[in-house]
Amino acid sequence: MMTSILRKFNNTPPDFLKTKLFNESTFYAAFIKDLSGCGAEAIIESPFITSKRLALLLPTLSKIKSKGVKIAVNTRDPYEQDNQISRTDAYKALASL
């Protein structure tokens, strides 16, 4: 089936068929680029939220929100974090949103 799809596109897969693997040092740059390209809405699914990582994303989230992009962040309840330090940090991060 994939070969028939590729033949349709002259053996060059369209963007929606291309994938990339990211690690902790490459993910956030790509994620920020994707967020910057949002037109109507951004839905972020993340079981963990920290103030450090959110501080990295807040400028971009603020920018796209000012353009009218609706943003939803689905995350774990901070109470369910493993320890008190993580819980406190998660509450702090959510408060900054």
N, C-alpha and C. Protein backbone atom coordinates (compact mmCIF):
# COMPACT_ATOMS: atom_id res chain seq x y z
N MET A 1 0.82 -1.19 0.00
CA MET A 1 0.00 0.00 0.00
C MET A 1 0.87 1.26 0.00
N MET A 2 1.92 1.27 0.81
CA MET A 2 2.79 2.46 0.89
C MET A 2 3.43 2.74 -0.47
N THR A 3 3.80 1.70 -1.19
CA THR A 3 4.43 1.93 -2.49
C THR A 3 3.45 2.58 -3.46
N SER A 4 2.18 2.21 -3.39
CA SER A 4 1.21 2.85 -4.28
C SER A 4 1.01 4.31 -3.91
N ILE A 5 1.07 4.62 -2.62
CA ILE A 5 0.97 6.01 -2.20
C ILE A 5 2.17 6.80 -2.69
N LEU A 6 3.37 6.21 -2.55
CA LEU A 6 4.57 6.91 -2.99
C LEU A 6 4.59 7.10 -4.50
N ARG A 7 4.10 6.13 -5.25
CA ARG A 7 4.05 6.28 -6.72
C ARG A 7 3.18 7.48 -7.09
N LYS A 8 2.13 7.69 -6.34
CA LYS A 8 1.24 8.83 -6.58
C LYS A 8 2.00 10.15 -6.47
N PHE A 9 3.00 10.18 -5.61
CA PHE A 9 3.77 11.40 -5.36
C PHE A 9 5.17 11.31 -5.97
N ASN A 10 5.32 10.56 -7.03
CA ASN A 10 6.60 10.40 -7.73
C ASN A 10 7.71 9.96 -6.77
N ASN A 11 7.39 8.99 -5.91
CA ASN A 11 8.34 8.40 -4.96
C ASN A 11 8.86 9.39 -3.91
N THR A 12 8.27 10.57 -3.81
CA THR A 12 8.63 11.51 -2.75
C THR A 12 7.44 11.63 -1.83
N PRO A 13 7.58 11.18 -0.59
CA PRO A 13 6.42 11.23 0.31
C PRO A 13 6.03 12.66 0.66
N PRO A 14 4.73 12.91 0.72
CA PRO A 14 4.29 14.24 1.14
C PRO A 14 4.65 14.45 2.61
N ASP A 15 4.58 15.69 3.05
CA ASP A 15 4.97 16.02 4.42
C ASP A 15 4.27 15.19 5.48
N PHE A 16 2.98 14.87 5.26
CA PHE A 16 2.25 14.15 6.29
C PHE A 16 2.71 12.70 6.43
N LEU A 17 3.50 12.21 5.49
CA LEU A 17 4.04 10.85 5.60
C LEU A 17 5.48 10.84 6.12
N LYS A 18 6.08 12.00 6.27
CA LYS A 18 7.45 12.07 6.78
C LYS A 18 7.42 12.10 8.30
N THR A 19 8.33 11.39 8.91
CA THR A 19 8.41 11.41 10.37
C THR A 19 9.84 11.68 10.79
N LYS A 20 9.99 12.17 12.01
CA LYS A 20 11.31 12.42 12.57
C LYS A 20 11.29 11.93 14.00
N LEU A 21 12.43 11.51 14.47
CA LEU A 21 12.58 11.15 15.87
C LEU A 21 13.32 12.26 16.57
N PHE A 22 12.86 12.60 17.76
CA PHE A 22 13.47 13.67 18.53
C PHE A 22 13.96 13.14 19.86
N ASN A 23 14.91 13.85 20.43
CA ASN A 23 15.35 13.54 21.79
C ASN A 23 15.22 14.81 22.61
N GLU A 24 15.69 14.76 23.86
CA GLU A 24 15.52 15.91 24.75
C GLU A 24 16.23 17.18 24.26
N SER A 25 17.21 17.03 23.40
CA SER A 25 17.91 18.23 22.92
C SER A 25 17.36 18.75 21.59
N THR A 26 16.55 17.98 20.89
CA THR A 26 16.01 18.44 19.60
C THR A 26 14.50 18.67 19.62
N PHE A 27 13.82 18.11 20.61
CA PHE A 27 12.36 18.17 20.62
C PHE A 27 11.80 19.58 20.74
N TYR A 28 12.30 20.36 21.69
CA TYR A 28 11.67 21.65 21.98
C TYR A 28 11.80 22.65 20.85
N ALA A 29 12.91 22.65 20.13
CA ALA A 29 13.03 23.56 18.98
C ALA A 29 11.98 23.22 17.92
N ALA A 30 11.80 21.93 17.66
CA ALA A 30 10.80 21.50 16.68
C ALA A 30 9.39 21.79 17.18
N PHE A 31 9.16 21.57 18.46
CA PHE A 31 7.84 21.82 19.05
C PHE A 31 7.48 23.30 18.99
N ILE A 32 8.42 24.16 19.30
CA ILE A 32 8.19 25.60 19.23
C ILE A 32 7.91 26.03 17.80
N LYS A 33 8.62 25.44 16.87
CA LYS A 33 8.37 25.74 15.45
C LYS A 33 6.95 25.32 15.06
N ASP A 34 6.53 24.14 15.50
CA ASP A 34 5.17 23.67 15.21
C ASP A 34 4.13 24.59 15.86
N LEU A 35 4.37 24.96 17.12
CA LEU A 35 3.43 25.86 17.80
C LEU A 35 3.32 27.19 17.07
N SER A 36 4.45 27.70 16.61
CA SER A 36 4.45 28.99 15.91
C SER A 36 3.63 28.95 14.63
N GLY A 37 3.47 27.78 14.06
CA GLY A 37 2.71 27.64 12.83
C GLY A 37 1.23 27.35 13.03
N CYS A 38 0.78 27.31 14.28
CA CYS A 38 -0.63 27.03 14.55
C CYS A 38 -1.52 28.15 14.02
N GLY A 39 -2.64 27.76 13.43
CA GLY A 39 -3.54 28.75 12.89
C GLY A 39 -4.77 29.00 13.74
N ALA A 40 -5.44 27.94 14.20
CA ALA A 40 -6.69 28.10 14.93
C ALA A 40 -6.61 27.61 16.37
N GLU A 41 -5.93 26.47 16.56
CA GLU A 41 -5.86 25.94 17.91
C GLU A 41 -4.61 25.09 18.10
N ALA A 42 -4.20 24.99 19.36
CA ALA A 42 -3.09 24.13 19.75
C ALA A 42 -3.56 23.31 20.94
N ILE A 43 -3.48 22.00 20.81
CA ILE A 43 -3.85 21.11 21.89
C ILE A 43 -2.59 20.37 22.31
N ILE A 44 -2.20 20.56 23.55
CA ILE A 44 -0.96 19.96 24.05
C ILE A 44 -1.32 18.89 25.07
N GLU A 45 -0.87 17.68 24.81
CA GLU A 45 -1.07 16.55 25.72
C GLU A 45 0.27 16.24 26.36
N SER A 46 0.35 16.41 27.66
CA SER A 46 1.61 16.15 28.36
C SER A 46 1.31 15.69 29.78
N PRO A 47 1.75 14.48 30.15
CA PRO A 47 1.46 14.00 31.50
C PRO A 47 2.23 14.78 32.57
N PHE A 48 3.31 15.40 32.19
CA PHE A 48 4.12 16.14 33.16
C PHE A 48 4.22 17.60 32.72
N ILE A 49 4.22 18.49 33.68
CA ILE A 49 4.40 19.90 33.39
C ILE A 49 5.33 20.46 34.46
N THR A 50 6.37 21.15 34.01
CA THR A 50 7.30 21.77 34.95
C THR A 50 7.44 23.24 34.61
N SER A 51 7.75 24.02 35.63
CA SER A 51 7.90 25.46 35.40
C SER A 51 9.08 25.75 34.48
N LYS A 52 10.13 24.95 34.56
CA LYS A 52 11.30 25.17 33.70
C LYS A 52 10.96 24.98 32.23
N ARG A 53 10.29 23.90 31.90
CA ARG A 53 9.93 23.65 30.50
C ARG A 53 8.86 24.63 30.02
N LEU A 54 7.92 24.93 30.90
CA LEU A 54 6.87 25.86 30.51
C LEU A 54 7.43 27.25 30.25
N ALA A 55 8.43 27.65 31.03
CA ALA A 55 9.07 28.96 30.81
C ALA A 55 9.65 29.04 29.40
N LEU A 56 10.12 27.92 28.88
CA LEU A 56 10.66 27.86 27.52
C LEU A 56 9.54 28.07 26.49
N LEU A 57 8.34 27.58 26.81
CA LEU A 57 7.23 27.63 25.86
C LEU A 57 6.35 28.88 25.99
N LEU A 58 6.35 29.51 27.15
CA LEU A 58 5.42 30.63 27.38
C LEU A 58 5.53 31.77 26.36
N PRO A 59 6.72 32.20 25.96
CA PRO A 59 6.76 33.27 24.95
C PRO A 59 6.03 32.89 23.66
N THR A 60 6.21 31.67 23.22
CA THR A 60 5.55 31.22 21.99
C THR A 60 4.05 31.07 22.22
N LEU A 61 3.66 30.51 23.36
CA LEU A 61 2.23 30.38 23.66
C LEU A 61 1.56 31.75 23.73
N SER A 62 2.22 32.70 24.35
CA SER A 62 1.68 34.06 24.43
C SER A 62 1.52 34.69 23.05
N LYS A 63 2.52 34.47 22.22
CA LYS A 63 2.51 35.04 20.87
C LYS A 63 1.36 34.47 20.04
N ILE A 64 1.19 33.15 20.08
CA ILE A 64 0.12 32.57 19.26
C ILE A 64 -1.26 32.89 19.85
N LYS A 65 -1.33 33.01 21.18
CA LYS A 65 -2.60 33.40 21.80
C LYS A 65 -3.00 34.80 21.36
N SER A 66 -2.02 35.70 21.27
CA SER A 66 -2.32 37.07 20.84
C SER A 66 -2.81 37.12 19.39
N LYS A 67 -2.52 36.06 18.63
CA LYS A 67 -3.00 35.97 17.24
C LYS A 67 -4.37 35.31 17.17
N GLY A 68 -4.93 34.97 18.33
CA GLY A 68 -6.27 34.36 18.35
C GLY A 68 -6.28 32.85 18.36
N VAL A 69 -5.13 32.23 18.51
CA VAL A 69 -5.06 30.76 18.56
C VAL A 69 -5.57 30.30 19.92
N LYS A 70 -6.51 29.36 19.90
CA LYS A 70 -7.01 28.77 21.15
C LYS A 70 -6.02 27.70 21.59
N ILE A 71 -5.70 27.70 22.89
CA ILE A 71 -4.71 26.77 23.42
C ILE A 71 -5.34 25.95 24.53
N ALA A 72 -5.18 24.63 24.45
CA ALA A 72 -5.62 23.73 25.52
C ALA A 72 -4.41 22.89 25.94
N VAL A 73 -4.20 22.79 27.23
CA VAL A 73 -3.13 21.95 27.76
C VAL A 73 -3.77 20.89 28.65
N ASN A 74 -3.64 19.65 28.25
CA ASN A 74 -4.15 18.53 29.03
C ASN A 74 -2.97 17.89 29.74
N THR A 75 -3.03 17.88 31.07
CA THR A 75 -1.92 17.33 31.84
C THR A 75 -2.46 16.60 33.07
N ARG A 76 -1.58 15.89 33.70
CA ARG A 76 -1.91 15.16 34.91
C ARG A 76 -2.19 16.15 36.05
N ASP A 77 -3.10 15.79 36.92
CA ASP A 77 -3.35 16.59 38.11
C ASP A 77 -2.06 16.67 38.92
N PRO A 78 -1.63 17.87 39.30
CA PRO A 78 -0.38 17.99 40.06
C PRO A 78 -0.35 17.12 41.32
N TYR A 79 -1.51 16.89 41.91
CA TYR A 79 -1.57 16.06 43.11
C TYR A 79 -1.07 14.64 42.84
N GLU A 80 -1.15 14.20 41.58
CA GLU A 80 -0.73 12.84 41.22
C GLU A 80 0.77 12.73 40.92
N GLN A 81 1.50 13.83 41.02
CA GLN A 81 2.96 13.78 40.81
C GLN A 81 3.61 12.93 41.91
N ASP A 82 4.81 12.46 41.64
CA ASP A 82 5.48 11.50 42.53
C ASP A 82 5.86 12.03 43.90
N ASN A 83 6.20 13.31 43.99
CA ASN A 83 6.66 13.84 45.27
C ASN A 83 6.22 15.30 45.44
N GLN A 84 6.40 15.82 46.63
CA GLN A 84 5.93 17.16 46.94
C GLN A 84 6.62 18.23 46.09
N ILE A 85 7.91 18.06 45.82
CA ILE A 85 8.63 19.04 45.00
C ILE A 85 8.03 19.09 43.60
N SER A 86 7.77 17.94 43.00
CA SER A 86 7.17 17.89 41.67
C SER A 86 5.76 18.47 41.68
N ARG A 87 5.00 18.17 42.74
CA ARG A 87 3.64 18.72 42.86
C ARG A 87 3.66 20.24 42.92
N THR A 88 4.52 20.77 43.77
CA THR A 88 4.62 22.22 43.92
C THR A 88 5.03 22.88 42.62
N ASP A 89 5.99 22.28 41.93
CA ASP A 89 6.45 22.84 40.65
C ASP A 89 5.35 22.79 39.61
N ALA A 90 4.59 21.70 39.57
CA ALA A 90 3.49 21.58 38.60
C ALA A 90 2.42 22.64 38.88
N TYR A 91 2.08 22.86 40.15
CA TYR A 91 1.13 23.92 40.49
C TYR A 91 1.65 25.28 40.05
N LYS A 92 2.94 25.52 40.27
CA LYS A 92 3.55 26.80 39.87
C LYS A 92 3.46 26.98 38.35
N ALA A 93 3.75 25.91 37.61
CA ALA A 93 3.69 25.97 36.16
C ALA A 93 2.26 26.27 35.68
N LEU A 94 1.31 25.58 36.25
CA LEU A 94 -0.09 25.80 35.85
C LEU A 94 -0.55 27.21 36.18
N ALA A 95 -0.09 27.73 37.31
CA ALA A 95 -0.46 29.11 37.69
C ALA A 95 0.08 30.11 36.67
N SER A 96 1.22 29.83 36.06
CA SER A 96 1.79 30.75 35.07
C SER A 96 1.00 30.76 33.77
N LEU A 97 0.22 29.72 33.55
CA LEU A 97 -0.63 29.69 32.35
C LEU A 97 -1.83 30.60 32.54
